[in-house]
Amino acid sequence: MTDKRNIFILLLVLAGILWAILSPPIPQSLDYNQYADQRTLAGIPHFSNVVSNLPFLLIGCWGLFLGLRKKGVGWKTPATMAFLAFFAGMALIGLGSGFYHLQPSNA
């Protein structure tokens, strides 16, 4: 029963990935990139939009540090891997969003 369920979930995920790859881009209005903060401060364009991503980056790195310094028998448990994946994602969101907000565009 579990094997059939896992195969079904895998096929569903693969179908979703294939659909995303083969679908045309979703058009987005250029007005979307007009944020409230247009100021340049300390040489950083859209300063508040960029800097507001620092908490994501810092908390993500902090979580990774805590998870990776854990040693012993339980280091490679599924819970620890999920913990690390979550905080890696948070750190990457901080980096990606900060980079996007430096010069927002549809490209």
PDB file of N, CA and C in Angstrom:
ATOM      1  N   MET A   1       0.826  -1.198   0.000  1.00  0.00           N
ATOM      2  CA  MET A   1       0.000   0.000   0.000  1.00  0.00           C
ATOM      3  C   MET A   1       0.870   1.262   0.000  1.00  0.00           C
ATOM      4  N   THR A   2       1.888   1.270   0.855  1.00  0.00           N
ATOM      5  CA  THR A   2       2.756   2.445   0.955  1.00  0.00           C
ATOM      6  C   THR A   2       3.542   2.665  -0.329  1.00  0.00           C
ATOM      7  N   ASP A   3       4.000   1.585  -0.974  1.00  0.00           N
ATOM      8  CA  ASP A   3       4.756   1.723  -2.214  1.00  0.00           C
ATOM      9  C   ASP A   3       3.910   2.351  -3.309  1.00  0.00           C
ATOM     10  N   LYS A   4       2.659   1.937  -3.426  1.00  0.00           N
ATOM     11  CA  LYS A   4       1.771   2.519  -4.434  1.00  0.00           C
ATOM     12  C   LYS A   4       1.515   3.990  -4.142  1.00  0.00           C
ATOM     13  N   ARG A   5       1.376   4.303  -2.871  1.00  0.00           N
ATOM     14  CA  ARG A   5       1.139   5.702  -2.490  1.00  0.00           C
ATOM     15  C   ARG A   5       2.358   6.562  -2.818  1.00  0.00           C
ATOM     16  N   ASN A   6       3.552   6.076  -2.501  1.00  0.00           N
ATOM     17  CA  ASN A   6       4.781   6.819  -2.795  1.00  0.00           C
ATOM     18  C   ASN A   6       4.974   7.012  -4.291  1.00  0.00           C
ATOM     19  N   ILE A   7       4.671   5.976  -5.070  1.00  0.00           N
ATOM     20  CA  ILE A   7       4.776   6.088  -6.534  1.00  0.00           C
ATOM     21  C   ILE A   7       3.788   7.109  -7.058  1.00  0.00           C
ATOM     22  N   PHE A   8       2.565   7.105  -6.521  1.00  0.00           N
ATOM     23  CA  PHE A   8       1.556   8.076  -6.941  1.00  0.00           C
ATOM     24  C   PHE A   8       2.010   9.501  -6.633  1.00  0.00           C
ATOM     25  N   ILE A   9       2.537   9.716  -5.433  1.00  0.00           N
ATOM     26  CA  ILE A   9       3.016  11.051  -5.049  1.00  0.00           C
ATOM     27  C   ILE A   9       4.180  11.476  -5.935  1.00  0.00           C
ATOM     28  N   LEU A  10       5.105  10.574  -6.207  1.00  0.00           N
ATOM     29  CA  LEU A  10       6.238  10.881  -7.085  1.00  0.00           C
ATOM     30  C   LEU A  10       5.766  11.260  -8.488  1.00  0.00           C
ATOM     31  N   LEU A  11       4.815  10.500  -9.033  1.00  0.00           N
ATOM     32  CA  LEU A  11       4.272  10.814 -10.365  1.00  0.00           C
ATOM     33  C   LEU A  11       3.553  12.158 -10.365  1.00  0.00           C
ATOM     34  N   LEU A  12       2.846  12.443  -9.288  1.00  0.00           N
ATOM     35  CA  LEU A  12       2.157  13.726  -9.185  1.00  0.00           C
ATOM     36  C   LEU A  12       3.151  14.887  -9.159  1.00  0.00           C
ATOM     37  N   VAL A  13       4.221  14.738  -8.400  1.00  0.00           N
ATOM     38  CA  VAL A  13       5.255  15.771  -8.331  1.00  0.00           C
ATOM     39  C   VAL A  13       5.936  15.935  -9.692  1.00  0.00           C
ATOM     40  N   LEU A  14       6.275  14.835 -10.329  1.00  0.00           N
ATOM     41  CA  LEU A  14       6.915  14.911 -11.651  1.00  0.00           C
ATOM     42  C   LEU A  14       5.995  15.550 -12.683  1.00  0.00           C
ATOM     43  N   ALA A  15       4.701  15.246 -12.624  1.00  0.00           N
ATOM     44  CA  ALA A  15       3.736  15.872 -13.542  1.00  0.00           C
ATOM     45  C   ALA A  15       3.677  17.377 -13.305  1.00  0.00           C
ATOM     46  N   GLY A  16       3.724  17.796 -12.037  1.00  0.00           N
ATOM     47  CA  GLY A  16       3.718  19.223 -11.723  1.00  0.00           C
ATOM     48  C   GLY A  16       4.959  19.928 -12.231  1.00  0.00           C
ATOM     49  N   ILE A  17       6.100  19.292 -12.086  1.00  0.00           N
ATOM     50  CA  ILE A  17       7.353  19.867 -12.581  1.00  0.00           C
ATOM     51  C   ILE A  17       7.326  19.974 -14.099  1.00  0.00           C
ATOM     52  N   LEU A  18       6.863  18.932 -14.759  1.00  0.00           N
ATOM     53  CA  LEU A  18       6.769  18.943 -16.218  1.00  0.00           C
ATOM     54  C   LEU A  18       5.815  20.036 -16.694  1.00  0.00           C
ATOM     55  N   TRP A  19       4.683  20.167 -16.013  1.00  0.00           N
ATOM     56  CA  TRP A  19       3.715  21.217 -16.360  1.00  0.00           C
ATOM     57  C   TRP A  19       4.341  22.605 -16.215  1.00  0.00           C
ATOM     58  N   ALA A  20       5.093  22.825 -15.129  1.00  0.00           N
ATOM     59  CA  ALA A  20       5.726  24.124 -14.907  1.00  0.00           C
ATOM     60  C   ALA A  20       6.775  24.426 -15.971  1.00  0.00           C
ATOM     61  N   ILE A  21       7.506  23.404 -16.402  1.00  0.00           N
ATOM     62  CA  ILE A  21       8.548  23.605 -17.411  1.00  0.00           C
ATOM     63  C   ILE A  21       7.937  23.910 -18.778  1.00  0.00           C
ATOM     64  N   LEU A  22       6.860  23.228 -19.123  1.00  0.00           N
ATOM     65  CA  LEU A  22       6.274  23.365 -20.450  1.00  0.00           C
ATOM     66  C   LEU A  22       5.290  24.531 -20.581  1.00  0.00           C
ATOM     67  N   SER A  23       4.844  25.100 -19.468  1.00  0.00           N
ATOM     68  CA  SER A  23       3.888  26.210 -19.513  1.00  0.00           C
ATOM     69  C   SER A  23       4.591  27.500 -19.912  1.00  0.00           C
ATOM     70  N   PRO A  24       3.888  28.371 -20.627  1.00  0.00           N
ATOM     71  CA  PRO A  24       4.488  29.669 -20.964  1.00  0.00           C
ATOM     72  C   PRO A  24       4.569  30.547 -19.713  1.00  0.00           C
ATOM     73  N   PRO A  25       5.446  31.548 -19.708  1.00  0.00           N
ATOM     74  CA  PRO A  25       5.555  32.443 -18.555  1.00  0.00           C
ATOM     75  C   PRO A  25       4.230  33.168 -18.303  1.00  0.00           C
ATOM     76  N   ILE A  26       3.951  33.431 -17.056  1.00  0.00           N
ATOM     77  CA  ILE A  26       2.751  34.180 -16.685  1.00  0.00           C
ATOM     78  C   ILE A  26       3.087  35.664 -16.797  1.00  0.00           C
ATOM     79  N   PRO A  27       2.342  36.423 -17.629  1.00  0.00           N
ATOM     80  CA  PRO A  27       2.661  37.841 -17.778  1.00  0.00           C
ATOM     81  C   PRO A  27       2.438  38.603 -16.469  1.00  0.00           C
ATOM     82  N   GLN A  28       3.288  39.567 -16.231  1.00  0.00           N
ATOM     83  CA  GLN A  28       3.194  40.360 -15.011  1.00  0.00           C
ATOM     84  C   GLN A  28       3.289  41.831 -15.373  1.00  0.00           C
ATOM     85  N   SER A  29       2.441  42.645 -14.779  1.00  0.00           N
ATOM     86  CA  SER A  29       2.432  44.080 -15.035  1.00  0.00           C
ATOM     87  C   SER A  29       3.754  44.702 -14.575  1.00  0.00           C
ATOM     88  N   LEU A  30       4.252  45.661 -15.351  1.00  0.00           N
ATOM     89  CA  LEU A  30       5.479  46.359 -14.956  1.00  0.00           C
ATOM     90  C   LEU A  30       5.267  47.198 -13.705  1.00  0.00           C
ATOM     91  N   ASP A  31       4.016  47.569 -13.415  1.00  0.00           N
ATOM     92  CA  ASP A  31       3.711  48.319 -12.195  1.00  0.00           C
ATOM     93  C   ASP A  31       4.019  47.520 -10.937  1.00  0.00           C
ATOM     94  N   TYR A  32       4.083  46.218 -11.066  1.00  0.00           N
ATOM     95  CA  TYR A  32       4.374  45.360  -9.922  1.00  0.00           C
ATOM     96  C   TYR A  32       5.715  45.728  -9.286  1.00  0.00           C
ATOM     97  N   ASN A  33       6.655  46.187 -10.085  1.00  0.00           N
ATOM     98  CA  ASN A  33       7.998  46.489  -9.607  1.00  0.00           C
ATOM     99  C   ASN A  33       8.145  47.890  -9.021  1.00  0.00           C
ATOM    100  N   GLN A  34       7.066  48.650  -8.950  1.00  0.00           N
ATOM    101  CA  GLN A  34       7.102  50.004  -8.386  1.00  0.00           C
ATOM    102  C   GLN A  34       6.783  49.932  -6.903  1.00  0.00           C
ATOM    103  N   TYR A  35       7.798  49.801  -6.082  1.00  0.00           N
ATOM    104  CA  TYR A  35       7.603  49.669  -4.648  1.00  0.00           C
ATOM    105  C   TYR A  35       7.502  51.033  -3.991  1.00  0.00           C
ATOM    106  N   ALA A  36       7.021  51.040  -2.757  1.00  0.00           N
ATOM    107  CA  ALA A  36       6.830  52.294  -2.030  1.00  0.00           C
ATOM    108  C   ALA A  36       8.158  53.006  -1.774  1.00  0.00           C
ATOM    109  N   ASP A  37       9.193  52.255  -1.440  1.00  0.00           N
ATOM    110  CA  ASP A  37      10.477  52.871  -1.129  1.00  0.00           C
ATOM    111  C   ASP A  37      11.359  52.906  -2.365  1.00  0.00           C
ATOM    112  N   GLN A  38      11.524  54.092  -2.922  1.00  0.00           N
ATOM    113  CA  GLN A  38      12.371  54.267  -4.102  1.00  0.00           C
ATOM    114  C   GLN A  38      13.696  54.942  -3.746  1.00  0.00           C
ATOM    115  N   ARG A  39      13.959  55.133  -2.451  1.00  0.00           N
ATOM    116  CA  ARG A  39      15.157  55.857  -2.017  1.00  0.00           C
ATOM    117  C   ARG A  39      16.422  55.022  -2.148  1.00  0.00           C
ATOM    118  N   THR A  40      17.530  55.748  -2.368  1.00  0.00           N
ATOM    119  CA  THR A  40      18.860  55.133  -2.304  1.00  0.00           C
ATOM    120  C   THR A  40      19.520  55.661  -1.047  1.00  0.00           C
ATOM    121  N   LEU A  41      19.943  54.750  -0.188  1.00  0.00           N
ATOM    122  CA  LEU A  41      20.573  55.137   1.070  1.00  0.00           C
ATOM    123  C   LEU A  41      21.829  54.293   1.226  1.00  0.00           C
ATOM    124  N   ALA A  42      22.916  54.921   1.602  1.00  0.00           N
ATOM    125  CA  ALA A  42      24.207  54.242   1.761  1.00  0.00           C
ATOM    126  C   ALA A  42      24.606  53.512   0.475  1.00  0.00           C
ATOM    127  N   GLY A  43      24.214  54.051  -0.670  1.00  0.00           N
ATOM    128  CA  GLY A  43      24.557  53.459  -1.956  1.00  0.00           C
ATOM    129  C   GLY A  43      23.719  52.247  -2.336  1.00  0.00           C
ATOM    130  N   ILE A  44      22.683  51.941  -1.537  1.00  0.00           N
ATOM    131  CA  ILE A  44      21.827  50.787  -1.800  1.00  0.00           C
ATOM    132  C   ILE A  44      20.487  51.270  -2.340  1.00  0.00           C
ATOM    133  N   PRO A  45      20.181  50.960  -3.619  1.00  0.00           N
ATOM    134  CA  PRO A  45      18.886  51.366  -4.154  1.00  0.00           C
ATOM    135  C   PRO A  45      17.758  50.577  -3.488  1.00  0.00           C
ATOM    136  N   HIS A  46      16.601  51.228  -3.334  1.00  0.00           N
ATOM    137  CA  HIS A  46      15.430  50.599  -2.701  1.00  0.00           C
ATOM    138  C   HIS A  46      15.817  50.063  -1.317  1.00  0.00           C
ATOM    139  N   PHE A  47      16.471  50.930  -0.558  1.00  0.00           N
ATOM    140  CA  PHE A  47      17.134  50.541   0.688  1.00  0.00           C
ATOM    141  C   PHE A  47      16.255  49.705   1.624  1.00  0.00           C
ATOM    142  N   SER A  48      15.076  50.211   1.957  1.00  0.00           N
ATOM    143  CA  SER A  48      14.226  49.497   2.924  1.00  0.00           C
ATOM    144  C   SER A  48      13.798  48.135   2.406  1.00  0.00           C
ATOM    145  N   ASN A  49      13.523  48.055   1.111  1.00  0.00           N
ATOM    146  CA  ASN A  49      13.117  46.769   0.529  1.00  0.00           C
ATOM    147  C   ASN A  49      14.254  45.748   0.590  1.00  0.00           C
ATOM    148  N   VAL A  50      15.470  46.220   0.366  1.00  0.00           N
ATOM    149  CA  VAL A  50      16.628  45.315   0.384  1.00  0.00           C
ATOM    150  C   VAL A  50      16.969  44.903   1.819  1.00  0.00           C
ATOM    151  N   VAL A  51      17.069  45.884   2.701  1.00  0.00           N
ATOM    152  CA  VAL A  51      17.499  45.629   4.070  1.00  0.00           C
ATOM    153  C   VAL A  51      16.459  44.823   4.858  1.00  0.00           C
ATOM    154  N   SER A  52      15.189  44.916   4.474  1.00  0.00           N
ATOM    155  CA  SER A  52      14.153  44.158   5.193  1.00  0.00           C
ATOM    156  C   SER A  52      14.325  42.649   5.014  1.00  0.00           C
ATOM    157  N   ASN A  53      15.198  42.219   4.117  1.00  0.00           N
ATOM    158  CA  ASN A  53      15.474  40.798   3.929  1.00  0.00           C
ATOM    159  C   ASN A  53      16.582  40.282   4.839  1.00  0.00           C
ATOM    160  N   LEU A  54      17.257  41.170   5.537  1.00  0.00           N
ATOM    161  CA  LEU A  54      18.333  40.747   6.440  1.00  0.00           C
ATOM    162  C   LEU A  54      17.863  39.792   7.538  1.00  0.00           C
ATOM    163  N   PRO A  55      16.691  40.015   8.159  1.00  0.00           N
ATOM    164  CA  PRO A  55      16.256  39.044   9.173  1.00  0.00           C
ATOM    165  C   PRO A  55      16.119  37.621   8.618  1.00  0.00           C
ATOM    166  N   PHE A  56      15.621  37.469   7.401  1.00  0.00           N
ATOM    167  CA  PHE A  56      15.529  36.136   6.798  1.00  0.00           C
ATOM    168  C   PHE A  56      16.915  35.507   6.667  1.00  0.00           C
ATOM    169  N   LEU A  57      17.853  36.295   6.172  1.00  0.00           N
ATOM    170  CA  LEU A  57      19.213  35.796   5.985  1.00  0.00           C
ATOM    171  C   LEU A  57      19.873  35.447   7.316  1.00  0.00           C
ATOM    172  N   LEU A  58      19.756  36.339   8.293  1.00  0.00           N
ATOM    173  CA  LEU A  58      20.410  36.116   9.584  1.00  0.00           C
ATOM    174  C   LEU A  58      19.806  34.937  10.339  1.00  0.00           C
ATOM    175  N   ILE A  59      18.477  34.855  10.378  1.00  0.00           N
ATOM    176  CA  ILE A  59      17.835  33.744  11.088  1.00  0.00           C
ATOM    177  C   ILE A  59      18.102  32.430  10.358  1.00  0.00           C
ATOM    178  N   GLY A  60      18.112  32.461   9.027  1.00  0.00           N
ATOM    179  CA  GLY A  60      18.437  31.254   8.272  1.00  0.00           C
ATOM    180  C   GLY A  60      19.844  30.769   8.563  1.00  0.00           C
ATOM    181  N   CYS A  61      20.793  31.682   8.584  1.00  0.00           N
ATOM    182  CA  CYS A  61      22.187  31.305   8.880  1.00  0.00           C
ATOM    183  C   CYS A  61      22.330  30.829  10.320  1.00  0.00           C
ATOM    184  N   TRP A  62      21.624  31.480  11.244  1.00  0.00           N
ATOM    185  CA  TRP A  62      21.673  31.077  12.643  1.00  0.00           C
ATOM    186  C   TRP A  62      21.132  29.655  12.811  1.00  0.00           C
ATOM    187  N   GLY A  63      20.002  29.356  12.169  1.00  0.00           N
ATOM    188  CA  GLY A  63      19.430  28.016  12.231  1.00  0.00           C
ATOM    189  C   GLY A  63      20.357  26.976  11.623  1.00  0.00           C
ATOM    190  N   LEU A  64      20.994  27.315  10.512  1.00  0.00           N
ATOM    191  CA  LEU A  64      21.960  26.391   9.897  1.00  0.00           C
ATOM    192  C   LEU A  64      23.146  26.145  10.831  1.00  0.00           C
ATOM    193  N   PHE A  65      23.615  27.203  11.450  1.00  0.00           N
ATOM    194  CA  PHE A  65      24.732  27.065  12.391  1.00  0.00           C
ATOM    195  C   PHE A  65      24.353  26.123  13.535  1.00  0.00           C
ATOM    196  N   LEU A  66      23.175  26.336  14.105  1.00  0.00           N
ATOM    197  CA  LEU A  66      22.735  25.486  15.213  1.00  0.00           C
ATOM    198  C   LEU A  66      22.558  24.036  14.766  1.00  0.00           C
ATOM    199  N   GLY A  67      21.988  23.838  13.585  1.00  0.00           N
ATOM    200  CA  GLY A  67      21.750  22.490  13.097  1.00  0.00           C
ATOM    201  C   GLY A  67      23.016  21.753  12.717  1.00  0.00           C
ATOM    202  N   LEU A  68      23.970  22.472  12.140  1.00  0.00           N
ATOM    203  CA  LEU A  68      25.205  21.826  11.687  1.00  0.00           C
ATOM    204  C   LEU A  68      26.196  21.565  12.811  1.00  0.00           C
ATOM    205  N   ARG A  69      26.092  22.302  13.889  1.00  0.00           N
ATOM    206  CA  ARG A  69      27.030  22.058  14.994  1.00  0.00           C
ATOM    207  C   ARG A  69      26.573  20.893  15.867  1.00  0.00           C
ATOM    208  N   LYS A  70      25.353  20.426  15.644  1.00  0.00           N
ATOM    209  CA  LYS A  70      24.822  19.286  16.399  1.00  0.00           C
ATOM    210  C   LYS A  70      25.542  18.024  15.946  1.00  0.00           C
ATOM    211  N   LYS A  71      26.189  17.352  16.867  1.00  0.00           N
ATOM    212  CA  LYS A  71      26.953  16.151  16.530  1.00  0.00           C
ATOM    213  C   LYS A  71      26.383  14.968  17.287  1.00  0.00           C
ATOM    214  N   GLY A  72      26.754  13.797  16.873  1.00  0.00           N
ATOM    215  CA  GLY A  72      26.332  12.613  17.596  1.00  0.00           C
ATOM    216  C   GLY A  72      25.415  11.737  16.776  1.00  0.00           C
ATOM    217  N   VAL A  73      24.712  10.865  17.450  1.00  0.00           N
ATOM    218  CA  VAL A  73      23.892   9.838  16.811  1.00  0.00           C
ATOM    219  C   VAL A  73      22.744  10.432  16.012  1.00  0.00           C
ATOM    220  N   GLY A  74      22.074  11.449  16.530  1.00  0.00           N
ATOM    221  CA  GLY A  74      20.859  11.958  15.890  1.00  0.00           C
ATOM    222  C   GLY A  74      21.075  13.020  14.832  1.00  0.00           C
ATOM    223  N   TRP A  75      22.331  13.233  14.414  1.00  0.00           N
ATOM    224  CA  TRP A  75      22.599  14.330  13.487  1.00  0.00           C
ATOM    225  C   TRP A  75      21.893  14.166  12.157  1.00  0.00           C
ATOM    226  N   LYS A  76      21.816  12.959  11.633  1.00  0.00           N
ATOM    227  CA  LYS A  76      21.223  12.750  10.310  1.00  0.00           C
ATOM    228  C   LYS A  76      19.805  12.205  10.389  1.00  0.00           C
ATOM    229  N   THR A  77      19.080  12.576  11.392  1.00  0.00           N
ATOM    230  CA  THR A  77      17.689  12.150  11.508  1.00  0.00           C
ATOM    231  C   THR A  77      16.837  12.950  10.532  1.00  0.00           C
ATOM    232  N   PRO A  78      15.665  12.439  10.158  1.00  0.00           N
ATOM    233  CA  PRO A  78      14.779  13.199   9.277  1.00  0.00           C
ATOM    234  C   PRO A  78      14.398  14.566   9.859  1.00  0.00           C
ATOM    235  N   ALA A  79      14.226  14.624  11.174  1.00  0.00           N
ATOM    236  CA  ALA A  79      13.866  15.898  11.797  1.00  0.00           C
ATOM    237  C   ALA A  79      14.992  16.927  11.636  1.00  0.00           C
ATOM    238  N   THR A  80      16.230  16.483  11.813  1.00  0.00           N
ATOM    239  CA  THR A  80      17.363  17.397  11.655  1.00  0.00           C
ATOM    240  C   THR A  80      17.507  17.837  10.199  1.00  0.00           C
ATOM    241  N   MET A  81      17.309  16.930   9.275  1.00  0.00           N
ATOM    242  CA  MET A  81      17.387  17.283   7.851  1.00  0.00           C
ATOM    243  C   MET A  81      16.291  18.290   7.478  1.00  0.00           C
ATOM    244  N   ALA A  82      15.083  18.097   8.026  1.00  0.00           N
ATOM    245  CA  ALA A  82      13.998  19.045   7.775  1.00  0.00           C
ATOM    246  C   ALA A  82      14.336  20.408   8.373  1.00  0.00           C
ATOM    247  N   PHE A  83      14.913  20.416   9.556  1.00  0.00           N
ATOM    248  CA  PHE A  83      15.348  21.640  10.215  1.00  0.00           C
ATOM    249  C   PHE A  83      16.352  22.386   9.342  1.00  0.00           C
ATOM    250  N   LEU A  84      17.355  21.652   8.853  1.00  0.00           N
ATOM    251  CA  LEU A  84      18.381  22.268   8.003  1.00  0.00           C
ATOM    252  C   LEU A  84      17.803  22.765   6.687  1.00  0.00           C
ATOM    253  N   ALA A  85      16.906  22.000   6.082  1.00  0.00           N
ATOM    254  CA  ALA A  85      16.284  22.418   4.825  1.00  0.00           C
ATOM    255  C   ALA A  85      15.462  23.690   5.027  1.00  0.00           C
ATOM    256  N   PHE A  86      14.734  23.765   6.127  1.00  0.00           N
ATOM    257  CA  PHE A  86      13.927  24.951   6.418  1.00  0.00           C
ATOM    258  C   PHE A  86      14.799  26.191   6.545  1.00  0.00           C
ATOM    259  N   PHE A  87      15.851  26.097   7.341  1.00  0.00           N
ATOM    260  CA  PHE A  87      16.693  27.274   7.561  1.00  0.00           C
ATOM    261  C   PHE A  87      17.553  27.599   6.346  1.00  0.00           C
ATOM    262  N   ALA A  88      17.939  26.602   5.557  1.00  0.00           N
ATOM    263  CA  ALA A  88      18.643  26.886   4.299  1.00  0.00           C
ATOM    264  C   ALA A  88      17.711  27.645   3.362  1.00  0.00           C
ATOM    265  N   GLY A  89      16.453  27.211   3.296  1.00  0.00           N
ATOM    266  CA  GLY A  89      15.469  27.913   2.475  1.00  0.00           C
ATOM    267  C   GLY A  89      15.269  29.341   2.936  1.00  0.00           C
ATOM    268  N   MET A  90      15.227  29.552   4.246  1.00  0.00           N
ATOM    269  CA  MET A  90      15.048  30.898   4.779  1.00  0.00           C
ATOM    270  C   MET A  90      16.231  31.792   4.407  1.00  0.00           C
ATOM    271  N   ALA A  91      17.440  31.261   4.519  1.00  0.00           N
ATOM    272  CA  ALA A  91      18.624  32.043   4.155  1.00  0.00           C
ATOM    273  C   ALA A  91      18.629  32.354   2.657  1.00  0.00           C
ATOM    274  N   LEU A  92      18.249  31.386   1.841  1.00  0.00           N
ATOM    275  CA  LEU A  92      18.208  31.605   0.390  1.00  0.00           C
ATOM    276  C   LEU A  92      17.125  32.595  -0.004  1.00  0.00           C
ATOM    277  N   ILE A  93      16.001  32.586   0.709  1.00  0.00           N
ATOM    278  CA  ILE A  93      14.953  33.588   0.458  1.00  0.00           C
ATOM    279  C   ILE A  93      15.496  34.983   0.746  1.00  0.00           C
ATOM    280  N   GLY A  94      16.214  35.123   1.849  1.00  0.00           N
ATOM    281  CA  GLY A  94      16.806  36.422   2.181  1.00  0.00           C
ATOM    282  C   GLY A  94      17.763  36.896   1.106  1.00  0.00           C
ATOM    283  N   LEU A  95      18.611  36.001   0.606  1.00  0.00           N
ATOM    284  CA  LEU A  95      19.550  36.370  -0.456  1.00  0.00           C
ATOM    285  C   LEU A  95      18.830  36.698  -1.763  1.00  0.00           C
ATOM    286  N   GLY A  96      17.939  35.818  -2.176  1.00  0.00           N
ATOM    287  CA  GLY A  96      17.254  36.003  -3.453  1.00  0.00           C
ATOM    288  C   GLY A  96      16.368  37.229  -3.475  1.00  0.00           C
ATOM    289  N   SER A  97      15.608  37.423  -2.421  1.00  0.00           N
ATOM    290  CA  SER A  97      14.717  38.574  -2.368  1.00  0.00           C
ATOM    291  C   SER A  97      15.510  39.876  -2.266  1.00  0.00           C
ATOM    292  N   GLY A  98      16.582  39.856  -1.488  1.00  0.00           N
ATOM    293  CA  GLY A  98      17.422  41.055  -1.394  1.00  0.00           C
ATOM    294  C   GLY A  98      18.039  41.411  -2.734  1.00  0.00           C
ATOM    295  N   PHE A  99      18.527  40.401  -3.451  1.00  0.00           N
ATOM    296  CA  PHE A  99      19.104  40.623  -4.780  1.00  0.00           C
ATOM    297  C   PHE A  99      18.052  41.170  -5.746  1.00  0.00           C
ATOM    298  N   TYR A 100      16.843  40.604  -5.711  1.00  0.00           N
ATOM    299  CA  TYR A 100      15.763  41.077  -6.589  1.00  0.00           C
ATOM    300  C   TYR A 100      15.423  42.530  -6.290  1.00  0.00           C
ATOM    301  N   HIS A 101      15.334  42.893  -5.009  1.00  0.00           N
ATOM    302  CA  HIS A 101      14.918  44.241  -4.647  1.00  0.00           C
ATOM    303  C   HIS A 101      15.979  45.301  -4.936  1.00  0.00           C
ATOM    304  N   LEU A 102      17.228  44.891  -5.173  1.00  0.00           N
ATOM    305  CA  LEU A 102      18.240  45.874  -5.569  1.00  0.00           C
ATOM    306  C   LEU A 102      17.864  46.525  -6.890  1.00  0.00           C
ATOM    307  N   GLN A 103      17.371  45.730  -7.828  1.00  0.00           N
ATOM    308  CA  GLN A 103      16.974  46.241  -9.132  1.00  0.00           C
ATOM    309  C   GLN A 103      15.793  45.417  -9.656  1.00  0.00           C
ATOM    310  N   PRO A 104      14.586  45.682  -9.133  1.00  0.00           N
ATOM    311  CA  PRO A 104      13.427  44.863  -9.524  1.00  0.00           C
ATOM    312  C   PRO A 104      13.078  45.044 -10.997  1.00  0.00           C
ATOM    313  N   SER A 105      12.809  43.906 -11.645  1.00  0.00           N
ATOM    314  CA  SER A 105      12.380  43.924 -13.045  1.00  0.00           C
ATOM    315  C   SER A 105      11.671  42.619 -13.340  1.00  0.00           C
ATOM    316  N   ASN A 106      11.011  42.561 -14.474  1.00  0.00           N
ATOM    317  CA  ASN A 106      10.341  41.328 -14.873  1.00  0.00           C
ATOM    318  C   ASN A 106      11.314  40.315 -15.484  1.00  0.00           C
ATOM    319  N   ALA A 107      12.512  40.763 -15.817  1.00  0.00           N
ATOM    320  CA  ALA A 107      13.484  39.845 -16.401  1.00  0.00           C
ATOM    321  C   ALA A 107      13.951  38.869 -15.341  1.00  0.00           C
TER     322      ALA A 107
END
